Amino acid sequence: MVNAFRMIQSLKKIMAMIFWMAVSATTVIIVDSFFDIPDEISGVAYFISIGIAASATLNYYK
């Protein structure tokens, strides 16, 4: 049987992770639009920032 409390915690964790991944990705896109940063650097910064946001969220909600 599924414990409803655990499912709510999982849903909260997923929603928080999606939110912070969106914030970090949007930040990189906005910085890239203001400054003339090469695509090689902004692409790496995009994926690293998403990875850091996901990792930090999963570590916070352990």
C-alpha atoms as a PDB file:
ATOM      1  CA  MET A   1       0.000   0.000   0.000  1.00  0.00           C
ATOM      2  CA  VAL A   2       1.223   3.523  -0.753  1.00  0.00           C
ATOM      3  CA  ASN A   3       1.861   5.865   2.134  1.00  0.00           C
ATOM      4  CA  ALA A   4       0.222   9.193   1.210  1.00  0.00           C
ATOM      5  CA  PHE A   5       2.675  11.188   3.327  1.00  0.00           C
ATOM      6  CA  ARG A   6       5.651   9.786   1.409  1.00  0.00           C
ATOM      7  CA  MET A   7       3.992  10.537  -1.935  1.00  0.00           C
ATOM      8  CA  ILE A   8       3.399  14.163  -0.922  1.00  0.00           C
ATOM      9  CA  GLN A   9       7.045  14.464   0.092  1.00  0.00           C
ATOM     10  CA  SER A  10       8.116  13.057  -3.280  1.00  0.00           C
ATOM     11  CA  LEU A  11       5.824  15.447  -5.128  1.00  0.00           C
ATOM     12  CA  LYS A  12       7.142  18.373  -3.082  1.00  0.00           C
ATOM     13  CA  LYS A  13      10.712  17.338  -3.843  1.00  0.00           C
ATOM     14  CA  ILE A  14      10.013  17.039  -7.579  1.00  0.00           C
ATOM     15  CA  MET A  15       8.212  20.393  -7.754  1.00  0.00           C
ATOM     16  CA  ALA A  16      10.991  22.158  -5.820  1.00  0.00           C
ATOM     17  CA  MET A  17      13.604  20.596  -8.083  1.00  0.00           C
ATOM     18  CA  ILE A  18      11.777  21.680 -11.244  1.00  0.00           C
ATOM     19  CA  PHE A  19      11.360  25.200  -9.861  1.00  0.00           C
ATOM     20  CA  TRP A  20      15.040  25.658  -8.978  1.00  0.00           C
ATOM     21  CA  MET A  21      16.180  24.091 -12.248  1.00  0.00           C
ATOM     22  CA  ALA A  22      13.993  26.600 -14.103  1.00  0.00           C
ATOM     23  CA  VAL A  23      15.367  29.496 -12.045  1.00  0.00           C
ATOM     24  CA  SER A  24      18.968  28.514 -12.724  1.00  0.00           C
ATOM     25  CA  ALA A  25      18.363  27.917 -16.434  1.00  0.00           C
ATOM     26  CA  THR A  26      16.547  31.238 -16.792  1.00  0.00           C
ATOM     27  CA  THR A  27      19.398  33.020 -15.037  1.00  0.00           C
ATOM     28  CA  VAL A  28      21.931  31.604 -17.477  1.00  0.00           C
ATOM     29  CA  ILE A  29      19.743  32.519 -20.466  1.00  0.00           C
ATOM     30  CA  ILE A  30      19.242  36.096 -19.209  1.00  0.00           C
ATOM     31  CA  VAL A  31      22.973  36.560 -18.564  1.00  0.00           C
ATOM     32  CA  ASP A  32      23.696  35.153 -22.031  1.00  0.00           C
ATOM     33  CA  SER A  33      21.266  37.613 -23.625  1.00  0.00           C
ATOM     34  CA  PHE A  34      22.850  40.628 -21.880  1.00  0.00           C
ATOM     35  CA  PHE A  35      26.488  39.712 -22.501  1.00  0.00           C
ATOM     36  CA  ASP A  36      28.146  38.340 -25.606  1.00  0.00           C
ATOM     37  CA  ILE A  37      29.226  35.008 -24.143  1.00  0.00           C
ATOM     38  CA  PRO A  38      30.340  32.232 -26.528  1.00  0.00           C
ATOM     39  CA  ASP A  39      27.911  29.350 -26.935  1.00  0.00           C
ATOM     40  CA  GLU A  40      30.469  26.855 -25.652  1.00  0.00           C
ATOM     41  CA  ILE A  41      30.624  28.614 -22.296  1.00  0.00           C
ATOM     42  CA  SER A  42      26.919  29.391 -21.942  1.00  0.00           C
ATOM     43  CA  GLY A  43      25.951  25.819 -22.874  1.00  0.00           C
ATOM     44  CA  VAL A  44      28.240  24.351 -20.243  1.00  0.00           C
ATOM     45  CA  ALA A  45      27.040  26.890 -17.664  1.00  0.00           C
ATOM     46  CA  TYR A  46      23.429  26.001 -18.526  1.00  0.00           C
ATOM     47  CA  PHE A  47      23.842  22.282 -17.897  1.00  0.00           C
ATOM     48  CA  ILE A  48      26.095  22.721 -14.863  1.00  0.00           C
ATOM     49  CA  SER A  49      23.640  25.128 -13.231  1.00  0.00           C
ATOM     50  CA  ILE A  50      20.760  22.697 -13.821  1.00  0.00           C
ATOM     51  CA  GLY A  51      22.823  19.868 -12.352  1.00  0.00           C
ATOM     52  CA  ILE A  52      23.780  21.915  -9.298  1.00  0.00           C
ATOM     53  CA  ALA A  53      20.145  22.913  -8.730  1.00  0.00           C
ATOM     54  CA  ALA A  54      18.976  19.291  -8.958  1.00  0.00           C
ATOM     55  CA  SER A  55      21.755  18.036  -6.706  1.00  0.00           C
ATOM     56  CA  ALA A  56      21.209  20.733  -4.100  1.00  0.00           C
ATOM     57  CA  THR A  57      17.465  20.096  -4.026  1.00  0.00           C
ATOM     58  CA  LEU A  58      17.876  16.342  -3.657  1.00  0.00           C
ATOM     59  CA  ASN A  59      20.476  16.781  -0.906  1.00  0.00           C
ATOM     60  CA  TYR A  60      18.299  19.301   0.935  1.00  0.00           C
ATOM     61  CA  TYR A  61      15.216  17.038   0.974  1.00  0.00           C
ATOM     62  CA  LYS A  62      17.058  13.873   2.049  1.00  0.00           C
END
